[in-house]
PDB file of N, CA and C in Angstrom:
ATOM      1  N   MET A   1       0.840  -1.172   0.000  1.00  0.00           N
ATOM      2  CA  MET A   1       0.000   0.000   0.000  1.00  0.00           C
ATOM      3  C   MET A   1       0.888   1.240   0.000  1.00  0.00           C
ATOM      4  N   LYS A   2       0.622   2.193  -0.880  1.00  0.00           N
ATOM      5  CA  LYS A   2       1.445   3.380  -1.035  1.00  0.00           C
ATOM      6  C   LYS A   2       1.024   4.457  -0.038  1.00  0.00           C
ATOM      7  N   ASN A   3       1.987   5.058   0.603  1.00  0.00           N
ATOM      8  CA  ASN A   3       1.729   6.122   1.562  1.00  0.00           C
ATOM      9  C   ASN A   3       1.414   7.408   0.813  1.00  0.00           C
ATOM     10  N   SER A   4       0.365   8.121   1.194  1.00  0.00           N
ATOM     11  CA  SER A   4      -0.064   9.325   0.488  1.00  0.00           C
ATOM     12  C   SER A   4       0.888  10.494   0.703  1.00  0.00           C
ATOM     13  N   THR A   5       1.725  10.436   1.721  1.00  0.00           N
ATOM     14  CA  THR A   5       2.655  11.526   1.982  1.00  0.00           C
ATOM     15  C   THR A   5       4.029  11.244   1.405  1.00  0.00           C
ATOM     16  N   SER A   6       4.155  10.220   0.555  1.00  0.00           N
ATOM     17  CA  SER A   6       5.451   9.891  -0.009  1.00  0.00           C
ATOM     18  C   SER A   6       5.887  10.969  -0.991  1.00  0.00           C
ATOM     19  N   LYS A   7       7.183  11.047  -1.234  1.00  0.00           N
ATOM     20  CA  LYS A   7       7.744  12.027  -2.159  1.00  0.00           C
ATOM     21  C   LYS A   7       7.343  11.664  -3.584  1.00  0.00           C
ATOM     22  N   PRO A   8       7.075  12.678  -4.413  1.00  0.00           N
ATOM     23  CA  PRO A   8       6.731  12.386  -5.798  1.00  0.00           C
ATOM     24  C   PRO A   8       7.942  11.830  -6.535  1.00  0.00           C
ATOM     25  N   THR A   9       7.685  11.080  -7.582  1.00  0.00           N
ATOM     26  CA  THR A   9       8.779  10.487  -8.343  1.00  0.00           C
ATOM     27  C   THR A   9       9.502  11.561  -9.131  1.00  0.00           C
ATOM     28  N   LEU A  10      10.573  11.183  -9.760  1.00  0.00           N
ATOM     29  CA  LEU A  10      11.446  12.127 -10.448  1.00  0.00           C
ATOM     30  C   LEU A  10      10.758  12.801 -11.634  1.00  0.00           C
ATOM     31  N   ILE A  11       9.999  12.049 -12.417  1.00  0.00           N
ATOM     32  CA  ILE A  11       9.382  12.603 -13.628  1.00  0.00           C
ATOM     33  C   ILE A  11       8.396  13.732 -13.305  1.00  0.00           C
ATOM     34  N   PRO A  12       7.413  13.538 -12.389  1.00  0.00           N
ATOM     35  CA  PRO A  12       6.507  14.656 -12.088  1.00  0.00           C
ATOM     36  C   PRO A  12       7.231  15.874 -11.514  1.00  0.00           C
ATOM     37  N   ARG A  13       8.246  15.653 -10.689  1.00  0.00           N
ATOM     38  CA  ARG A  13       8.992  16.782 -10.133  1.00  0.00           C
ATOM     39  C   ARG A  13       9.724  17.535 -11.235  1.00  0.00           C
ATOM     40  N   MET A  14      10.320  16.791 -12.176  1.00  0.00           N
ATOM     41  CA  MET A  14      11.010  17.431 -13.298  1.00  0.00           C
ATOM     42  C   MET A  14      10.027  18.222 -14.154  1.00  0.00           C
ATOM     43  N   TYR A  15       8.851  17.642 -14.402  1.00  0.00           N
ATOM     44  CA  TYR A  15       7.831  18.323 -15.200  1.00  0.00           C
ATOM     45  C   TYR A  15       7.455  19.647 -14.539  1.00  0.00           C
ATOM     46  N   CYS A  16       7.217  19.614 -13.240  1.00  0.00           N
ATOM     47  CA  CYS A  16       6.826  20.831 -12.524  1.00  0.00           C
ATOM     48  C   CYS A  16       7.967  21.839 -12.493  1.00  0.00           C
ATOM     49  N   ASN A  17       9.218  21.361 -12.413  1.00  0.00           N
ATOM     50  CA  ASN A  17      10.356  22.275 -12.433  1.00  0.00           C
ATOM     51  C   ASN A  17      10.484  22.962 -13.782  1.00  0.00           C
ATOM     52  N   LEU A  18      10.189  22.253 -14.857  1.00  0.00           N
ATOM     53  CA  LEU A  18      10.314  22.820 -16.200  1.00  0.00           C
ATOM     54  C   LEU A  18       9.126  23.694 -16.573  1.00  0.00           C
ATOM     55  N   PHE A  19       7.926  23.192 -16.377  1.00  0.00           N
ATOM     56  CA  PHE A  19       6.722  23.856 -16.885  1.00  0.00           C
ATOM     57  C   PHE A  19       5.881  24.539 -15.810  1.00  0.00           C
ATOM     58  N   GLY A  20       6.176  24.296 -14.574  1.00  0.00           N
ATOM     59  CA  GLY A  20       5.384  24.876 -13.491  1.00  0.00           C
ATOM     60  C   GLY A  20       4.304  23.911 -13.032  1.00  0.00           C
ATOM     61  N   HIS A  21       3.742  24.199 -11.891  1.00  0.00           N
ATOM     62  CA  HIS A  21       2.715  23.342 -11.310  1.00  0.00           C
ATOM     63  C   HIS A  21       1.376  23.553 -12.007  1.00  0.00           C
ATOM     64  N   ASP A  22       0.545  22.534 -11.968  1.00  0.00           N
ATOM     65  CA  ASP A  22      -0.814  22.604 -12.518  1.00  0.00           C
ATOM     66  C   ASP A  22      -1.776  22.379 -11.353  1.00  0.00           C
ATOM     67  N   TYR A  23      -2.072  23.467 -10.625  1.00  0.00           N
ATOM     68  CA  TYR A  23      -2.889  23.366  -9.421  1.00  0.00           C
ATOM     69  C   TYR A  23      -4.369  23.265  -9.763  1.00  0.00           C
ATOM     70  N   GLN A  24      -5.059  22.411  -9.011  1.00  0.00           N
ATOM     71  CA  GLN A  24      -6.506  22.278  -9.102  1.00  0.00           C
ATOM     72  C   GLN A  24      -7.093  22.442  -7.706  1.00  0.00           C
ATOM     73  N   VAL A  25      -8.263  23.060  -7.633  1.00  0.00           N
ATOM     74  CA  VAL A  25      -8.935  23.229  -6.338  1.00  0.00           C
ATOM     75  C   VAL A  25      -9.421  21.859  -5.874  1.00  0.00           C
ATOM     76  N   THR A  26      -8.996  21.455  -4.696  1.00  0.00           N
ATOM     77  CA  THR A  26      -9.424  20.161  -4.160  1.00  0.00           C
ATOM     78  C   THR A  26     -10.470  20.320  -3.065  1.00  0.00           C
ATOM     79  N   LYS A  27     -10.503  21.508  -2.430  1.00  0.00           N
ATOM     80  CA  LYS A  27     -11.462  21.713  -1.350  1.00  0.00           C
ATOM     81  C   LYS A  27     -11.744  23.206  -1.215  1.00  0.00           C
ATOM     82  N   LYS A  28     -13.026  23.551  -1.130  1.00  0.00           N
ATOM     83  CA  LYS A  28     -13.418  24.940  -0.887  1.00  0.00           C
ATOM     84  C   LYS A  28     -13.754  25.061   0.595  1.00  0.00           C
ATOM     85  N   VAL A  29     -12.876  25.709   1.338  1.00  0.00           N
ATOM     86  CA  VAL A  29     -13.041  25.849   2.782  1.00  0.00           C
ATOM     87  C   VAL A  29     -14.071  26.934   3.068  1.00  0.00           C
ATOM     88  N   THR A  30     -13.885  28.124   2.508  1.00  0.00           N
ATOM     89  CA  THR A  30     -14.849  29.227   2.581  1.00  0.00           C
ATOM     90  C   THR A  30     -14.924  29.825   1.189  1.00  0.00           C
ATOM     91  N   TYR A  31     -15.579  30.986   1.080  1.00  0.00           N
ATOM     92  CA  TYR A  31     -15.658  31.638  -0.223  1.00  0.00           C
ATOM     93  C   TYR A  31     -14.279  32.066  -0.713  1.00  0.00           C
ATOM     94  N   HIS A  32     -13.382  32.418   0.209  1.00  0.00           N
ATOM     95  CA  HIS A  32     -12.076  32.950  -0.164  1.00  0.00           C
ATOM     96  C   HIS A  32     -10.923  31.984   0.078  1.00  0.00           C
ATOM     97  N   VAL A  33     -11.101  31.015   0.941  1.00  0.00           N
ATOM     98  CA  VAL A  33     -10.029  30.075   1.279  1.00  0.00           C
ATOM     99  C   VAL A  33     -10.290  28.751   0.577  1.00  0.00           C
ATOM    100  N   LYS A  34      -9.284  28.287  -0.161  1.00  0.00           N
ATOM    101  CA  LYS A  34      -9.390  27.024  -0.884  1.00  0.00           C
ATOM    102  C   LYS A  34      -8.106  26.228  -0.692  1.00  0.00           C
ATOM    103  N   GLU A  35      -8.200  24.931  -0.911  1.00  0.00           N
ATOM    104  CA  GLU A  35      -7.014  24.076  -0.903  1.00  0.00           C
ATOM    105  C   GLU A  35      -6.767  23.606  -2.322  1.00  0.00           C
ATOM    106  N   TYR A  36      -5.496  23.584  -2.709  1.00  0.00           N
ATOM    107  CA  TYR A  36      -5.101  23.229  -4.063  1.00  0.00           C
ATOM    108  C   TYR A  36      -4.125  22.064  -4.025  1.00  0.00           C
ATOM    109  N   THR A  37      -4.127  21.248  -5.106  1.00  0.00           N
ATOM    110  CA  THR A  37      -3.169  20.167  -5.269  1.00  0.00           C
ATOM    111  C   THR A  37      -2.651  20.188  -6.694  1.00  0.00           C
ATOM    112  N   CYS A  38      -1.348  20.014  -6.861  1.00  0.00           N
ATOM    113  CA  CYS A  38      -0.760  19.927  -8.197  1.00  0.00           C
ATOM    114  C   CYS A  38      -1.111  18.567  -8.795  1.00  0.00           C
ATOM    115  N   ARG A  39      -1.560  18.575 -10.044  1.00  0.00           N
ATOM    116  CA  ARG A  39      -1.947  17.322 -10.699  1.00  0.00           C
ATOM    117  C   ARG A  39      -0.770  16.382 -10.883  1.00  0.00           C
ATOM    118  N   HIS A  40       0.425  16.927 -11.025  1.00  0.00           N
ATOM    119  CA  HIS A  40       1.571  16.097 -11.366  1.00  0.00           C
ATOM    120  C   HIS A  40       2.358  15.629 -10.144  1.00  0.00           C
ATOM    121  N   CYS A  41       2.768  16.570  -9.305  1.00  0.00           N
ATOM    122  CA  CYS A  41       3.634  16.194  -8.173  1.00  0.00           C
ATOM    123  C   CYS A  41       2.881  16.062  -6.858  1.00  0.00           C
ATOM    124  N   LYS A  42       1.571  16.354  -6.855  1.00  0.00           N
ATOM    125  CA  LYS A  42       0.705  16.222  -5.674  1.00  0.00           C
ATOM    126  C   LYS A  42       1.074  17.169  -4.540  1.00  0.00           C
ATOM    127  N   LYS A  43       1.755  18.273  -4.851  1.00  0.00           N
ATOM    128  CA  LYS A  43       2.061  19.281  -3.841  1.00  0.00           C
ATOM    129  C   LYS A  43       0.765  19.971  -3.442  1.00  0.00           C
ATOM    130  N   GLU A  44       0.565  20.182  -2.122  1.00  0.00           N
ATOM    131  CA  GLU A  44      -0.669  20.773  -1.607  1.00  0.00           C
ATOM    132  C   GLU A  44      -0.404  22.191  -1.117  1.00  0.00           C
ATOM    133  N   LEU A  45      -1.304  23.096  -1.490  1.00  0.00           N
ATOM    134  CA  LEU A  45      -1.211  24.492  -1.081  1.00  0.00           C
ATOM    135  C   LEU A  45      -2.559  24.959  -0.560  1.00  0.00           C
ATOM    136  N   THR A  46      -2.544  26.063   0.153  1.00  0.00           N
ATOM    137  CA  THR A  46      -3.765  26.713   0.603  1.00  0.00           C
ATOM    138  C   THR A  46      -3.527  28.211   0.578  1.00  0.00           C
ATOM    139  N   THR A  47      -4.570  28.990   0.756  1.00  0.00           N
ATOM    140  CA  THR A  47      -4.415  30.439   0.812  1.00  0.00           C
ATOM    141  C   THR A  47      -4.263  30.867   2.264  1.00  0.00           C
ATOM    142  N   ASN A  48      -3.389  31.839   2.496  1.00  0.00           N
ATOM    143  CA  ASN A  48      -3.205  32.338   3.862  1.00  0.00           C
ATOM    144  C   ASN A  48      -4.096  33.547   4.094  1.00  0.00           C
ATOM    145  N   SER A  49      -3.894  34.243   5.186  1.00  0.00           N
ATOM    146  CA  SER A  49      -4.755  35.373   5.537  1.00  0.00           C
ATOM    147  C   SER A  49      -4.596  36.545   4.581  1.00  0.00           C
ATOM    148  N   ASN A  50      -3.479  36.604   3.851  1.00  0.00           N
ATOM    149  CA  ASN A  50      -3.256  37.676   2.884  1.00  0.00           C
ATOM    150  C   ASN A  50      -3.673  37.283   1.473  1.00  0.00           C
ATOM    151  N   GLY A  51      -4.181  36.062   1.294  1.00  0.00           N
ATOM    152  CA  GLY A  51      -4.601  35.601  -0.016  1.00  0.00           C
ATOM    153  C   GLY A  51      -3.494  34.985  -0.841  1.00  0.00           C
ATOM    154  N   LYS A  52      -2.324  34.816  -0.276  1.00  0.00           N
ATOM    155  CA  LYS A  52      -1.188  34.217  -0.980  1.00  0.00           C
ATOM    156  C   LYS A  52      -1.229  32.701  -0.825  1.00  0.00           C
ATOM    157  N   LEU A  53      -0.676  31.982  -1.809  1.00  0.00           N
ATOM    158  CA  LEU A  53      -0.601  30.530  -1.732  1.00  0.00           C
ATOM    159  C   LEU A  53       0.587  30.125  -0.875  1.00  0.00           C
ATOM    160  N   ILE A  54       0.331  29.225   0.085  1.00  0.00           N
ATOM    161  CA  ILE A  54       1.386  28.706   0.949  1.00  0.00           C
ATOM    162  C   ILE A  54       1.220  27.196   1.046  1.00  0.00           C
ATOM    163  N   GLU A  55       2.283  26.517   1.464  1.00  0.00           N
ATOM    164  CA  GLU A  55       2.248  25.063   1.586  1.00  0.00           C
ATOM    165  C   GLU A  55       1.251  24.648   2.667  1.00  0.00           C
ATOM    166  N   LEU A  56       0.524  23.581   2.389  1.00  0.00           N
ATOM    167  CA  LEU A  56      -0.500  23.091   3.319  1.00  0.00           C
ATOM    168  C   LEU A  56       0.157  22.172   4.343  1.00  0.00           C
ATOM    169  N   THR A  57       0.428  22.729   5.515  1.00  0.00           N
ATOM    170  CA  THR A  57       1.038  21.978   6.608  1.00  0.00           C
ATOM    171  C   THR A  57      -0.067  21.432   7.512  1.00  0.00           C
ATOM    172  N   PRO A  58       0.247  20.527   8.425  1.00  0.00           N
ATOM    173  CA  PRO A  58      -0.773  20.033   9.358  1.00  0.00           C
ATOM    174  C   PRO A  58      -1.436  21.163  10.153  1.00  0.00           C
ATOM    175  N   LYS A  59      -0.675  22.205  10.478  1.00  0.00           N
ATOM    176  CA  LYS A  59      -1.231  23.344  11.206  1.00  0.00           C
ATOM    177  C   LYS A  59      -2.299  24.038  10.361  1.00  0.00           C
ATOM    178  N   PHE A  60      -2.016  24.253   9.078  1.00  0.00           N
ATOM    179  CA  PHE A  60      -2.986  24.912   8.204  1.00  0.00           C
ATOM    180  C   PHE A  60      -4.167  23.995   7.881  1.00  0.00           C
ATOM    181  N   LYS A  61      -3.945  22.673   7.858  1.00  0.00           N
ATOM    182  CA  LYS A  61      -5.066  21.741   7.676  1.00  0.00           C
ATOM    183  C   LYS A  61      -6.051  21.875   8.840  1.00  0.00           C
ATOM    184  N   GLU A  62      -5.511  21.978  10.046  1.00  0.00           N
ATOM    185  CA  GLU A  62      -6.355  22.132  11.230  1.00  0.00           C
ATOM    186  C   GLU A  62      -7.092  23.469  11.202  1.00  0.00           C
ATOM    187  N   ILE A  63      -6.384  24.532  10.838  1.00  0.00           N
ATOM    188  CA  ILE A  63      -7.005  25.857  10.736  1.00  0.00           C
ATOM    189  C   ILE A  63      -8.120  25.841   9.708  1.00  0.00           C
ATOM    190  N   ASN A  64      -7.873  25.223   8.548  1.00  0.00           N
ATOM    191  CA  ASN A  64      -8.889  25.153   7.495  1.00  0.00           C
ATOM    192  C   ASN A  64     -10.104  24.348   7.933  1.00  0.00           C
ATOM    193  N   ALA A  65      -9.887  23.278   8.691  1.00  0.00           N
ATOM    194  CA  ALA A  65     -11.008  22.468   9.176  1.00  0.00           C
ATOM    195  C   ALA A  65     -11.889  23.289  10.122  1.00  0.00           C
ATOM    196  N   ILE A  66     -11.266  24.063  10.996  1.00  0.00           N
ATOM    197  CA  ILE A  66     -12.022  24.905  11.920  1.00  0.00           C
ATOM    198  C   ILE A  66     -12.754  26.006  11.162  1.00  0.00           C
ATOM    199  N   LEU A  67     -12.063  26.638  10.206  1.00  0.00           N
ATOM    200  CA  LEU A  67     -12.698  27.672   9.389  1.00  0.00           C
ATOM    201  C   LEU A  67     -13.901  27.125   8.637  1.00  0.00           C
ATOM    202  N   GLU A  68     -13.754  25.930   8.092  1.00  0.00           N
ATOM    203  CA  GLU A  68     -14.857  25.312   7.341  1.00  0.00           C
ATOM    204  C   GLU A  68     -16.054  25.053   8.245  1.00  0.00           C
ATOM    205  N   ARG A  69     -15.796  24.554   9.457  1.00  0.00           N
ATOM    206  CA  ARG A  69     -16.884  24.280  10.401  1.00  0.00           C
ATOM    207  C   ARG A  69     -17.615  25.573  10.782  1.00  0.00           C
ATOM    208  N   ILE A  70     -16.864  26.631  11.051  1.00  0.00           N
ATOM    209  CA  ILE A  70     -17.467  27.921  11.396  1.00  0.00           C
ATOM    210  C   ILE A  70     -18.263  28.462  10.214  1.00  0.00           C
ATOM    211  N   HIS A  71     -17.696  28.380   9.024  1.00  0.00           N
ATOM    212  CA  HIS A  71     -18.353  28.887   7.820  1.00  0.00           C
ATOM    213  C   HIS A  71     -19.663  28.146   7.546  1.00  0.00           C
ATOM    214  N   LEU A  72     -19.640  26.824   7.675  1.00  0.00           N
ATOM    215  CA  LEU A  72     -20.857  26.039   7.430  1.00  0.00           C
ATOM    216  C   LEU A  72     -21.944  26.365   8.451  1.00  0.00           C
ATOM    217  N   SER A  73     -21.561  26.481   9.718  1.00  0.00           N
ATOM    218  CA  SER A  73     -22.576  26.786  10.739  1.00  0.00           C
ATOM    219  C   SER A  73     -23.151  28.184  10.528  1.00  0.00           C
ATOM    220  N   ARG A  74     -22.308  29.114  10.136  1.00  0.00           N
ATOM    221  CA  ARG A  74     -22.779  30.485   9.904  1.00  0.00           C
ATOM    222  C   ARG A  74     -23.721  30.547   8.697  1.00  0.00           C
ATOM    223  N   THR A  75     -23.376  29.870   7.610  1.00  0.00           N
ATOM    224  CA  THR A  75     -24.242  29.897   6.425  1.00  0.00           C
ATOM    225  C   THR A  75     -25.566  29.188   6.700  1.00  0.00           C
ATOM    226  N   GLU A  76     -25.540  28.106   7.472  1.00  0.00           N
ATOM    227  CA  GLU A  76     -26.789  27.422   7.832  1.00  0.00           C
ATOM    228  C   GLU A  76     -27.670  28.323   8.693  1.00  0.00           C
ATOM    229  N   ARG A  77     -27.062  29.019   9.651  1.00  0.00           N
ATOM    230  CA  ARG A  77     -27.810  29.916  10.517  1.00  0.00           C
ATOM    231  C   ARG A  77     -28.433  31.058   9.708  1.00  0.00           C
ATOM    232  N   LEU A  78     -27.683  31.591   8.737  1.00  0.00           N
ATOM    233  CA  LEU A  78     -28.214  32.670   7.904  1.00  0.00           C
ATOM    234  C   LEU A  78     -29.345  32.182   7.001  1.00  0.00           C
ATOM    235  N   LYS A  79     -29.249  30.941   6.512  1.00  0.00           N
ATOM    236  CA  LYS A  79     -30.330  30.372   5.697  1.00  0.00           C
ATOM    237  C   LYS A  79     -31.609  30.242   6.517  1.00  0.00           C
ATOM    238  N   LYS A  80     -31.481  29.726   7.740  1.00  0.00           N
ATOM    239  CA  LYS A  80     -32.647  29.576   8.611  1.00  0.00           C
ATOM    240  C   LYS A  80     -33.249  30.932   8.930  1.00  0.00           C
ATOM    241  N   LYS A  81     -32.398  31.916   9.194  1.00  0.00           N
ATOM    242  CA  LYS A  81     -32.867  33.253   9.524  1.00  0.00           C
ATOM    243  C   LYS A  81     -33.611  33.876   8.345  1.00  0.00           C
ATOM    244  N   SER A  82     -33.114  33.698   7.142  1.00  0.00           N
ATOM    245  CA  SER A  82     -33.776  34.273   5.974  1.00  0.00           C
ATOM    246  C   SER A  82     -35.099  33.558   5.680  1.00  0.00           C
ATOM    247  N   LEU A  83     -35.165  32.246   5.946  1.00  0.00           N
ATOM    248  CA  LEU A  83     -36.417  31.520   5.759  1.00  0.00           C
ATOM    249  C   LEU A  83     -37.475  31.992   6.748  1.00  0.00           C
ATOM    250  N   VAL A  84     -37.086  32.193   7.994  1.00  0.00           N
ATOM    251  CA  VAL A  84     -38.017  32.637   9.021  1.00  0.00           C
ATOM    252  C   VAL A  84     -38.494  34.050   8.719  1.00  0.00           C
ATOM    253  N   SER A  85     -37.590  34.923   8.311  1.00  0.00           N
ATOM    254  CA  SER A  85     -37.989  36.306   8.039  1.00  0.00           C
ATOM    255  C   SER A  85     -38.840  36.412   6.786  1.00  0.00           C
ATOM    256  N   SER A  86     -38.688  35.486   5.827  1.00  0.00           N
ATOM    257  CA  SER A  86     -39.512  35.541   4.616  1.00  0.00           C
ATOM    258  C   SER A  86     -40.941  35.065   4.885  1.00  0.00           C
ATOM    259  N   ILE A  87     -41.154  34.268   5.942  1.00  0.00           N
ATOM    260  CA  ILE A  87     -42.477  33.798   6.305  1.00  0.00           C
ATOM    261  C   ILE A  87     -43.296  34.946   6.887  1.00  0.00           C
ATOM    262  N   TYR A  88     -42.673  35.807   7.677  1.00  0.00           N
ATOM    263  CA  TYR A  88     -43.392  36.889   8.351  1.00  0.00           C
ATOM    264  C   TYR A  88     -43.462  38.064   7.482  1.00  0.00           C
TER     265      TYR A  88
END
């Protein structure tokens, strides 16, 4: 079984060194914070508080999980509030 945190092989790393990374959004944490993964070398990035892309470390994974939980609860609360106010 292959470990998901293993180093990428030589070919994908060389491709990314020559042509650059091909990042795809893998997770939308909030409207502004997203997680990205390179299609070739599997490097993971996220956006920081300034909107810049930074490496996705375990610390940032935890921060993103908390942000996502807060964002989901807030959007659910706003949906319920708008439904109640539209009834009256």
